[in-house]
Amino acid sequence: MENTGITIFSDSFVMDSIAFKDRNYVNVNAHEMAHQWFGDLVTEVDGSSHWLHEGFATYYALLAERALFGIEYYYWKLYESAIQLQDLTQEDRERP
């Protein structure tokens, strides 16, 4: 089970209140907390559906960020995710 209390970051994540706007732990902590809170209640039957387990935690983290950073941030992150998924899909189609 995931545990937010023992998540370890490199020293590049050391920051002050000014740097918080550029880099922070909110997404990672919310993601790991979703795993910790819900554990196997929302998870896959086997490894072929691991995307469900991670997808739930990723979406939960985005909702936490929306509560802290606002609706515009939320929609921007959804847009970025859509572009990233589109690019990955295109790369997958181009593989032999």
PDB file of N, CA and C in Angstrom:
ATOM      1  N   MET A   1       0.839  -1.182   0.000  1.00  0.00           N
ATOM      2  CA  MET A   1       0.000   0.000   0.000  1.00  0.00           C
ATOM      3  C   MET A   1       0.882   1.243   0.000  1.00  0.00           C
ATOM      4  N   GLU A   2       0.426   2.241  -0.707  1.00  0.00           N
ATOM      5  CA  GLU A   2       1.140   3.513  -0.784  1.00  0.00           C
ATOM      6  C   GLU A   2       1.021   4.242   0.554  1.00  0.00           C
ATOM      7  N   ASN A   3       1.986   5.092   0.838  1.00  0.00           N
ATOM      8  CA  ASN A   3       1.953   5.813   2.106  1.00  0.00           C
ATOM      9  C   ASN A   3       2.551   7.200   1.909  1.00  0.00           C
ATOM     10  N   THR A   4       1.752   8.246   2.115  1.00  0.00           N
ATOM     11  CA  THR A   4       2.241   9.616   1.911  1.00  0.00           C
ATOM     12  C   THR A   4       3.274  10.001   2.956  1.00  0.00           C
ATOM     13  N   GLY A   5       3.285   9.342   4.084  1.00  0.00           N
ATOM     14  CA  GLY A   5       4.212   9.690   5.153  1.00  0.00           C
ATOM     15  C   GLY A   5       5.644   9.289   4.885  1.00  0.00           C
ATOM     16  N   ILE A   6       5.860   8.406   3.922  1.00  0.00           N
ATOM     17  CA  ILE A   6       7.225   7.969   3.647  1.00  0.00           C
ATOM     18  C   ILE A   6       7.655   8.235   2.207  1.00  0.00           C
ATOM     19  N   THR A   7       6.962   9.136   1.527  1.00  0.00           N
ATOM     20  CA  THR A   7       7.359   9.509   0.178  1.00  0.00           C
ATOM     21  C   THR A   7       8.666  10.292   0.265  1.00  0.00           C
ATOM     22  N   ILE A   8       9.642   9.897  -0.523  1.00  0.00           N
ATOM     23  CA  ILE A   8      10.973  10.513  -0.464  1.00  0.00           C
ATOM     24  C   ILE A   8      11.225  11.295  -1.747  1.00  0.00           C
ATOM     25  N   PHE A   9      11.689  12.532  -1.590  1.00  0.00           N
ATOM     26  CA  PHE A   9      11.997  13.390  -2.715  1.00  0.00           C
ATOM     27  C   PHE A   9      13.484  13.725  -2.699  1.00  0.00           C
ATOM     28  N   SER A  10      14.009  14.087  -3.851  1.00  0.00           N
ATOM     29  CA  SER A  10      15.404  14.518  -3.920  1.00  0.00           C
ATOM     30  C   SER A  10      15.513  15.943  -3.384  1.00  0.00           C
ATOM     31  N   ASP A  11      16.728  16.405  -3.204  1.00  0.00           N
ATOM     32  CA  ASP A  11      16.929  17.758  -2.685  1.00  0.00           C
ATOM     33  C   ASP A  11      16.479  18.833  -3.672  1.00  0.00           C
ATOM     34  N   SER A  12      16.179  18.458  -4.917  1.00  0.00           N
ATOM     35  CA  SER A  12      15.679  19.451  -5.871  1.00  0.00           C
ATOM     36  C   SER A  12      14.264  19.897  -5.526  1.00  0.00           C
ATOM     37  N   PHE A  13      13.605  19.207  -4.610  1.00  0.00           N
ATOM     38  CA  PHE A  13      12.272  19.598  -4.181  1.00  0.00           C
ATOM     39  C   PHE A  13      12.282  20.480  -2.933  1.00  0.00           C
ATOM     40  N   VAL A  14      13.447  20.828  -2.426  1.00  0.00           N
ATOM     41  CA  VAL A  14      13.512  21.738  -1.288  1.00  0.00           C
ATOM     42  C   VAL A  14      13.140  23.129  -1.787  1.00  0.00           C
ATOM     43  N   MET A  15      12.199  23.766  -1.102  1.00  0.00           N
ATOM     44  CA  MET A  15      11.704  25.044  -1.593  1.00  0.00           C
ATOM     45  C   MET A  15      11.236  25.913  -0.448  1.00  0.00           C
ATOM     46  N   ASP A  16      10.963  27.158  -0.787  1.00  0.00           N
ATOM     47  CA  ASP A  16      10.376  28.088   0.176  1.00  0.00           C
ATOM     48  C   ASP A  16       8.995  28.483  -0.335  1.00  0.00           C
ATOM     49  N   SER A  17       8.348  29.412   0.324  1.00  0.00           N
ATOM     50  CA  SER A  17       6.982  29.774  -0.052  1.00  0.00           C
ATOM     51  C   SER A  17       6.898  30.398  -1.448  1.00  0.00           C
ATOM     52  N   ILE A  18       7.959  31.007  -1.906  1.00  0.00           N
ATOM     53  CA  ILE A  18       7.957  31.604  -3.246  1.00  0.00           C
ATOM     54  C   ILE A  18       8.039  30.513  -4.314  1.00  0.00           C
ATOM     55  N   ALA A  19       8.887  29.529  -4.087  1.00  0.00           N
ATOM     56  CA  ALA A  19       9.063  28.449  -5.057  1.00  0.00           C
ATOM     57  C   ALA A  19       7.852  27.520  -5.131  1.00  0.00           C
ATOM     58  N   PHE A  20       6.982  27.554  -4.142  1.00  0.00           N
ATOM     59  CA  PHE A  20       5.807  26.682  -4.102  1.00  0.00           C
ATOM     60  C   PHE A  20       4.963  26.806  -5.364  1.00  0.00           C
ATOM     61  N   LYS A  21       4.888  28.003  -5.934  1.00  0.00           N
ATOM     62  CA  LYS A  21       4.075  28.203  -7.139  1.00  0.00           C
ATOM     63  C   LYS A  21       4.667  27.489  -8.349  1.00  0.00           C
ATOM     64  N   ASP A  22       5.977  27.300  -8.377  1.00  0.00           N
ATOM     65  CA  ASP A  22       6.629  26.645  -9.503  1.00  0.00           C
ATOM     66  C   ASP A  22       6.746  25.133  -9.328  1.00  0.00           C
ATOM     67  N   ARG A  23       6.965  24.703  -8.091  1.00  0.00           N
ATOM     68  CA  ARG A  23       7.143  23.276  -7.816  1.00  0.00           C
ATOM     69  C   ARG A  23       6.657  23.008  -6.402  1.00  0.00           C
ATOM     70  N   ASN A  24       5.785  22.024  -6.267  1.00  0.00           N
ATOM     71  CA  ASN A  24       5.279  21.679  -4.945  1.00  0.00           C
ATOM     72  C   ASN A  24       4.934  20.196  -4.892  1.00  0.00           C
ATOM     73  N   TYR A  25       4.548  19.738  -3.726  1.00  0.00           N
ATOM     74  CA  TYR A  25       4.261  18.324  -3.503  1.00  0.00           C
ATOM     75  C   TYR A  25       2.777  17.991  -3.577  1.00  0.00           C
ATOM     76  N   VAL A  26       1.928  18.928  -3.853  1.00  0.00           N
ATOM     77  CA  VAL A  26       0.482  18.718  -3.765  1.00  0.00           C
ATOM     78  C   VAL A  26       0.036  17.525  -4.605  1.00  0.00           C
ATOM     79  N   ASN A  27       0.423  17.479  -5.866  1.00  0.00           N
ATOM     80  CA  ASN A  27      -0.031  16.410  -6.740  1.00  0.00           C
ATOM     81  C   ASN A  27       0.458  15.049  -6.264  1.00  0.00           C
ATOM     82  N   VAL A  28       1.730  14.951  -5.951  1.00  0.00           N
ATOM     83  CA  VAL A  28       2.293  13.667  -5.520  1.00  0.00           C
ATOM     84  C   VAL A  28       1.662  13.213  -4.209  1.00  0.00           C
ATOM     85  N   ASN A  29       1.541  14.120  -3.257  1.00  0.00           N
ATOM     86  CA  ASN A  29       0.946  13.747  -1.975  1.00  0.00           C
ATOM     87  C   ASN A  29      -0.508  13.334  -2.128  1.00  0.00           C
ATOM     88  N   ALA A  30      -1.284  14.050  -2.924  1.00  0.00           N
ATOM     89  CA  ALA A  30      -2.688  13.686  -3.124  1.00  0.00           C
ATOM     90  C   ALA A  30      -2.802  12.351  -3.853  1.00  0.00           C
ATOM     91  N   HIS A  31      -1.925  12.118  -4.819  1.00  0.00           N
ATOM     92  CA  HIS A  31      -1.915  10.849  -5.555  1.00  0.00           C
ATOM     93  C   HIS A  31      -1.652   9.679  -4.603  1.00  0.00           C
ATOM     94  N   GLU A  32      -0.613   9.807  -3.793  1.00  0.00           N
ATOM     95  CA  GLU A  32      -0.270   8.734  -2.856  1.00  0.00           C
ATOM     96  C   GLU A  32      -1.333   8.584  -1.772  1.00  0.00           C
ATOM     97  N   MET A  33      -1.938   9.701  -1.367  1.00  0.00           N
ATOM     98  CA  MET A  33      -2.989   9.623  -0.360  1.00  0.00           C
ATOM     99  C   MET A  33      -4.216   8.889  -0.905  1.00  0.00           C
ATOM    100  N   ALA A  34      -4.525   9.071  -2.172  1.00  0.00           N
ATOM    101  CA  ALA A  34      -5.640   8.338  -2.768  1.00  0.00           C
ATOM    102  C   ALA A  34      -5.380   6.837  -2.697  1.00  0.00           C
ATOM    103  N   HIS A  35      -4.136   6.424  -2.999  1.00  0.00           N
ATOM    104  CA  HIS A  35      -3.788   5.004  -2.853  1.00  0.00           C
ATOM    105  C   HIS A  35      -3.943   4.562  -1.400  1.00  0.00           C
ATOM    106  N   GLN A  36      -3.439   5.393  -0.488  1.00  0.00           N
ATOM    107  CA  GLN A  36      -3.441   5.039   0.927  1.00  0.00           C
ATOM    108  C   GLN A  36      -4.870   4.944   1.473  1.00  0.00           C
ATOM    109  N   TRP A  37      -5.704   5.899   1.156  1.00  0.00           N
ATOM    110  CA  TRP A  37      -7.064   5.926   1.686  1.00  0.00           C
ATOM    111  C   TRP A  37      -7.935   4.813   1.123  1.00  0.00           C
ATOM    112  N   PHE A  38      -7.860   4.614  -0.189  1.00  0.00           N
ATOM    113  CA  PHE A  38      -8.774   3.681  -0.830  1.00  0.00           C
ATOM    114  C   PHE A  38      -8.180   2.306  -1.063  1.00  0.00           C
ATOM    115  N   GLY A  39      -6.862   2.212  -0.984  1.00  0.00           N
ATOM    116  CA  GLY A  39      -6.206   0.913  -1.101  1.00  0.00           C
ATOM    117  C   GLY A  39      -6.767   0.055  -2.210  1.00  0.00           C
ATOM    118  N   ASP A  40      -7.255  -1.107  -1.856  1.00  0.00           N
ATOM    119  CA  ASP A  40      -7.759  -2.050  -2.843  1.00  0.00           C
ATOM    120  C   ASP A  40      -9.246  -1.894  -3.127  1.00  0.00           C
ATOM    121  N   LEU A  41      -9.893  -0.873  -2.582  1.00  0.00           N
ATOM    122  CA  LEU A  41     -11.300  -0.664  -2.878  1.00  0.00           C
ATOM    123  C   LEU A  41     -11.514  -0.243  -4.330  1.00  0.00           C
ATOM    124  N   VAL A  42     -10.581   0.550  -4.862  1.00  0.00           N
ATOM    125  CA  VAL A  42     -10.623   0.945  -6.271  1.00  0.00           C
ATOM    126  C   VAL A  42      -9.296   0.502  -6.875  1.00  0.00           C
ATOM    127  N   THR A  43      -9.296  -0.645  -7.492  1.00  0.00           N
ATOM    128  CA  THR A  43      -8.053  -1.194  -8.026  1.00  0.00           C
ATOM    129  C   THR A  43      -8.354  -2.207  -9.123  1.00  0.00           C
ATOM    130  N   GLU A  44      -7.333  -2.762  -9.672  1.00  0.00           N
ATOM    131  CA  GLU A  44      -7.480  -3.699 -10.776  1.00  0.00           C
ATOM    132  C   GLU A  44      -7.598  -5.134 -10.273  1.00  0.00           C
ATOM    133  N   VAL A  45      -8.165  -5.981 -11.110  1.00  0.00           N
ATOM    134  CA  VAL A  45      -8.253  -7.410 -10.790  1.00  0.00           C
ATOM    135  C   VAL A  45      -6.894  -8.057 -11.015  1.00  0.00           C
ATOM    136  N   ASP A  46      -6.217  -7.639 -12.064  1.00  0.00           N
ATOM    137  CA  ASP A  46      -4.882  -8.156 -12.350  1.00  0.00           C
ATOM    138  C   ASP A  46      -4.047  -7.046 -12.989  1.00  0.00           C
ATOM    139  N   GLY A  47      -2.810  -7.337 -13.266  1.00  0.00           N
ATOM    140  CA  GLY A  47      -1.874  -6.332 -13.768  1.00  0.00           C
ATOM    141  C   GLY A  47      -2.243  -5.711 -15.105  1.00  0.00           C
ATOM    142  N   SER A  48      -3.079  -6.387 -15.890  1.00  0.00           N
ATOM    143  CA  SER A  48      -3.432  -5.843 -17.196  1.00  0.00           C
ATOM    144  C   SER A  48      -4.317  -4.599 -17.091  1.00  0.00           C
ATOM    145  N   SER A  49      -4.898  -4.375 -15.917  1.00  0.00           N
ATOM    146  CA  SER A  49      -5.756  -3.204 -15.718  1.00  0.00           C
ATOM    147  C   SER A  49      -5.181  -2.245 -14.678  1.00  0.00           C
ATOM    148  N   HIS A  50      -3.877  -2.207 -14.587  1.00  0.00           N
ATOM    149  CA  HIS A  50      -3.229  -1.336 -13.600  1.00  0.00           C
ATOM    150  C   HIS A  50      -3.537   0.144 -13.845  1.00  0.00           C
ATOM    151  N   TRP A  51      -3.868   0.468 -15.073  1.00  0.00           N
ATOM    152  CA  TRP A  51      -4.223   1.854 -15.418  1.00  0.00           C
ATOM    153  C   TRP A  51      -5.384   2.348 -14.559  1.00  0.00           C
ATOM    154  N   LEU A  52      -6.301   1.448 -14.160  1.00  0.00           N
ATOM    155  CA  LEU A  52      -7.435   1.850 -13.342  1.00  0.00           C
ATOM    156  C   LEU A  52      -6.971   2.344 -11.972  1.00  0.00           C
ATOM    157  N   HIS A  53      -6.075   1.607 -11.360  1.00  0.00           N
ATOM    158  CA  HIS A  53      -5.529   1.951 -10.048  1.00  0.00           C
ATOM    159  C   HIS A  53      -4.811   3.298 -10.100  1.00  0.00           C
ATOM    160  N   GLU A  54      -3.951   3.453 -11.078  1.00  0.00           N
ATOM    161  CA  GLU A  54      -3.187   4.697 -11.204  1.00  0.00           C
ATOM    162  C   GLU A  54      -4.047   5.840 -11.729  1.00  0.00           C
ATOM    163  N   GLY A  55      -4.961   5.542 -12.623  1.00  0.00           N
ATOM    164  CA  GLY A  55      -5.833   6.572 -13.170  1.00  0.00           C
ATOM    165  C   GLY A  55      -6.703   7.211 -12.095  1.00  0.00           C
ATOM    166  N   PHE A  56      -7.232   6.396 -11.189  1.00  0.00           N
ATOM    167  CA  PHE A  56      -8.041   6.926 -10.100  1.00  0.00           C
ATOM    168  C   PHE A  56      -7.214   7.862  -9.226  1.00  0.00           C
ATOM    169  N   ALA A  57      -6.023   7.441  -8.842  1.00  0.00           N
ATOM    170  CA  ALA A  57      -5.172   8.261  -7.978  1.00  0.00           C
ATOM    171  C   ALA A  57      -4.734   9.537  -8.690  1.00  0.00           C
ATOM    172  N   THR A  58      -4.489   9.450  -9.984  1.00  0.00           N
ATOM    173  CA  THR A  58      -4.091  10.624 -10.753  1.00  0.00           C
ATOM    174  C   THR A  58      -5.232  11.634 -10.827  1.00  0.00           C
ATOM    175  N   TYR A  59      -6.438  11.156 -11.066  1.00  0.00           N
ATOM    176  CA  TYR A  59      -7.602  12.052 -11.125  1.00  0.00           C
ATOM    177  C   TYR A  59      -7.883  12.667  -9.754  1.00  0.00           C
ATOM    178  N   TYR A  60      -7.793  11.884  -8.708  1.00  0.00           N
ATOM    179  CA  TYR A  60      -8.000  12.391  -7.352  1.00  0.00           C
ATOM    180  C   TYR A  60      -7.008  13.524  -7.051  1.00  0.00           C
ATOM    181  N   ALA A  61      -5.758  13.339  -7.457  1.00  0.00           N
ATOM    182  CA  ALA A  61      -4.734  14.370  -7.233  1.00  0.00           C
ATOM    183  C   ALA A  61      -5.094  15.651  -7.989  1.00  0.00           C
ATOM    184  N   LEU A  62      -5.621  15.515  -9.189  1.00  0.00           N
ATOM    185  CA  LEU A  62      -6.031  16.689  -9.962  1.00  0.00           C
ATOM    186  C   LEU A  62      -7.186  17.420  -9.273  1.00  0.00           C
ATOM    187  N   LEU A  63      -8.111  16.678  -8.686  1.00  0.00           N
ATOM    188  CA  LEU A  63      -9.207  17.309  -7.946  1.00  0.00           C
ATOM    189  C   LEU A  63      -8.685  18.071  -6.720  1.00  0.00           C
ATOM    190  N   ALA A  64      -7.685  17.518  -6.066  1.00  0.00           N
ATOM    191  CA  ALA A  64      -7.079  18.212  -4.919  1.00  0.00           C
ATOM    192  C   ALA A  64      -6.418  19.508  -5.368  1.00  0.00           C
ATOM    193  N   GLU A  65      -5.721  19.465  -6.494  1.00  0.00           N
ATOM    194  CA  GLU A  65      -5.100  20.673  -7.029  1.00  0.00           C
ATOM    195  C   GLU A  65      -6.152  21.701  -7.432  1.00  0.00           C
ATOM    196  N   ARG A  66      -7.274  21.249  -7.977  1.00  0.00           N
ATOM    197  CA  ARG A  66      -8.351  22.175  -8.341  1.00  0.00           C
ATOM    198  C   ARG A  66      -8.845  22.928  -7.111  1.00  0.00           C
ATOM    199  N   ALA A  67      -8.978  22.221  -6.002  1.00  0.00           N
ATOM    200  CA  ALA A  67      -9.447  22.861  -4.769  1.00  0.00           C
ATOM    201  C   ALA A  67      -8.457  23.916  -4.275  1.00  0.00           C
ATOM    202  N   LEU A  68      -7.179  23.698  -4.507  1.00  0.00           N
ATOM    203  CA  LEU A  68      -6.158  24.640  -4.034  1.00  0.00           C
ATOM    204  C   LEU A  68      -5.833  25.749  -5.027  1.00  0.00           C
ATOM    205  N   PHE A  69      -5.768  25.406  -6.313  1.00  0.00           N
ATOM    206  CA  PHE A  69      -5.261  26.343  -7.308  1.00  0.00           C
ATOM    207  C   PHE A  69      -6.324  26.931  -8.227  1.00  0.00           C
ATOM    208  N   GLY A  70      -7.550  26.421  -8.166  1.00  0.00           N
ATOM    209  CA  GLY A  70      -8.638  27.014  -8.937  1.00  0.00           C
ATOM    210  C   GLY A  70      -9.014  26.253 -10.188  1.00  0.00           C
ATOM    211  N   ILE A  71     -10.150  26.657 -10.734  1.00  0.00           N
ATOM    212  CA  ILE A  71     -10.745  25.969 -11.871  1.00  0.00           C
ATOM    213  C   ILE A  71      -9.943  26.165 -13.160  1.00  0.00           C
ATOM    214  N   GLU A  72      -9.324  27.345 -13.332  1.00  0.00           N
ATOM    215  CA  GLU A  72      -8.518  27.574 -14.540  1.00  0.00           C
ATOM    216  C   GLU A  72      -7.328  26.635 -14.568  1.00  0.00           C
ATOM    217  N   TYR A  73      -6.677  26.465 -13.434  1.00  0.00           N
ATOM    218  CA  TYR A  73      -5.547  25.536 -13.319  1.00  0.00           C
ATOM    219  C   TYR A  73      -6.008  24.123 -13.677  1.00  0.00           C
ATOM    220  N   TYR A  74      -7.148  23.740 -13.136  1.00  0.00           N
ATOM    221  CA  TYR A  74      -7.720  22.415 -13.371  1.00  0.00           C
ATOM    222  C   TYR A  74      -7.923  22.165 -14.867  1.00  0.00           C
ATOM    223  N   TYR A  75      -8.567  23.122 -15.547  1.00  0.00           N
ATOM    224  CA  TYR A  75      -8.807  22.946 -16.975  1.00  0.00           C
ATOM    225  C   TYR A  75      -7.508  22.955 -17.778  1.00  0.00           C
ATOM    226  N   TRP A  76      -6.538  23.732 -17.368  1.00  0.00           N
ATOM    227  CA  TRP A  76      -5.244  23.743 -18.053  1.00  0.00           C
ATOM    228  C   TRP A  76      -4.574  22.378 -17.924  1.00  0.00           C
ATOM    229  N   LYS A  77      -4.621  21.794 -16.739  1.00  0.00           N
ATOM    230  CA  LYS A  77      -4.017  20.474 -16.526  1.00  0.00           C
ATOM    231  C   LYS A  77      -4.752  19.401 -17.329  1.00  0.00           C
ATOM    232  N   LEU A  78      -6.081  19.489 -17.413  1.00  0.00           N
ATOM    233  CA  LEU A  78      -6.828  18.544 -18.252  1.00  0.00           C
ATOM    234  C   LEU A  78      -6.400  18.666 -19.712  1.00  0.00           C
ATOM    235  N   TYR A  79      -6.231  19.912 -20.175  1.00  0.00           N
ATOM    236  CA  TYR A  79      -5.784  20.151 -21.546  1.00  0.00           C
ATOM    237  C   TYR A  79      -4.390  19.560 -21.775  1.00  0.00           C
ATOM    238  N   GLU A  80      -3.477  19.819 -20.849  1.00  0.00           N
ATOM    239  CA  GLU A  80      -2.118  19.261 -20.974  1.00  0.00           C
ATOM    240  C   GLU A  80      -2.147  17.742 -21.024  1.00  0.00           C
ATOM    241  N   SER A  81      -2.983  17.134 -20.194  1.00  0.00           N
ATOM    242  CA  SER A  81      -3.097  15.673 -20.179  1.00  0.00           C
ATOM    243  C   SER A  81      -3.639  15.148 -21.508  1.00  0.00           C
ATOM    244  N   ALA A  82      -4.624  15.837 -22.065  1.00  0.00           N
ATOM    245  CA  ALA A  82      -5.198  15.416 -23.340  1.00  0.00           C
ATOM    246  C   ALA A  82      -4.148  15.469 -24.451  1.00  0.00           C
ATOM    247  N   ILE A  83      -3.358  16.527 -24.466  1.00  0.00           N
ATOM    248  CA  ILE A  83      -2.298  16.653 -25.477  1.00  0.00           C
ATOM    249  C   ILE A  83      -1.263  15.545 -25.299  1.00  0.00           C
ATOM    250  N   GLN A  84      -0.881  15.287 -24.066  1.00  0.00           N
ATOM    251  CA  GLN A  84       0.102  14.235 -23.791  1.00  0.00           C
ATOM    252  C   GLN A  84      -0.431  12.864 -24.229  1.00  0.00           C
ATOM    253  N   LEU A  85      -1.680  12.570 -23.930  1.00  0.00           N
ATOM    254  CA  LEU A  85      -2.273  11.299 -24.342  1.00  0.00           C
ATOM    255  C   LEU A  85      -2.365  11.195 -25.860  1.00  0.00           C
ATOM    256  N   GLN A  86      -2.691  12.300 -26.504  1.00  0.00           N
ATOM    257  CA  GLN A  86      -2.758  12.321 -27.961  1.00  0.00           C
ATOM    258  C   GLN A  86      -1.379  12.033 -28.559  1.00  0.00           C
ATOM    259  N   ASP A  87      -0.341  12.653 -28.012  1.00  0.00           N
ATOM    260  CA  ASP A  87       1.021  12.417 -28.496  1.00  0.00           C
ATOM    261  C   ASP A  87       1.444  10.963 -28.288  1.00  0.00           C
ATOM    262  N   LEU A  88       1.136  10.413 -27.126  1.00  0.00           N
ATOM    263  CA  LEU A  88       1.500   9.020 -26.849  1.00  0.00           C
ATOM    264  C   LEU A  88       0.755   8.057 -27.777  1.00  0.00           C
ATOM    265  N   THR A  89      -0.494   8.361 -28.059  1.00  0.00           N
ATOM    266  CA  THR A  89      -1.268   7.535 -28.979  1.00  0.00           C
ATOM    267  C   THR A  89      -0.658   7.579 -30.370  1.00  0.00           C
ATOM    268  N   GLN A  90      -0.261   8.768 -30.817  1.00  0.00           N
ATOM    269  CA  GLN A  90       0.357   8.908 -32.131  1.00  0.00           C
ATOM    270  C   GLN A  90       1.674   8.129 -32.188  1.00  0.00           C
ATOM    271  N   GLU A  91       2.492   8.231 -31.136  1.00  0.00           N
ATOM    272  CA  GLU A  91       3.753   7.497 -31.095  1.00  0.00           C
ATOM    273  C   GLU A  91       3.509   5.995 -31.187  1.00  0.00           C
ATOM    274  N   ASP A  92       2.476   5.522 -30.478  1.00  0.00           N
ATOM    275  CA  ASP A  92       2.147   4.115 -30.487  1.00  0.00           C
ATOM    276  C   ASP A  92       1.725   3.649 -31.868  1.00  0.00           C
ATOM    277  N   ARG A  93       1.012   4.485 -32.600  1.00  0.00           N
ATOM    278  CA  ARG A  93       0.567   4.134 -33.963  1.00  0.00           C
ATOM    279  C   ARG A  93       1.740   4.081 -34.933  1.00  0.00           C
ATOM    280  N   GLU A  94       2.764   4.864 -34.678  1.00  0.00           N
ATOM    281  CA  GLU A  94       3.912   4.943 -35.587  1.00  0.00           C
ATOM    282  C   GLU A  94       4.914   3.824 -35.356  1.00  0.00           C
ATOM    283  N   ARG A  95       4.779   3.094 -34.282  1.00  0.00           N
ATOM    284  CA  ARG A  95       5.698   1.969 -34.028  1.00  0.00           C
ATOM    285  C   ARG A  95       5.434   0.845 -35.015  1.00  0.00           C
ATOM    286  N   PRO A  96       6.501   0.192 -35.462  1.00  0.00           N
ATOM    287  CA  PRO A  96       6.334  -0.930 -36.418  1.00  0.00           C
ATOM    288  C   PRO A  96       5.713  -2.145 -35.776  1.00  0.00           C
TER     289      PRO A  96
END
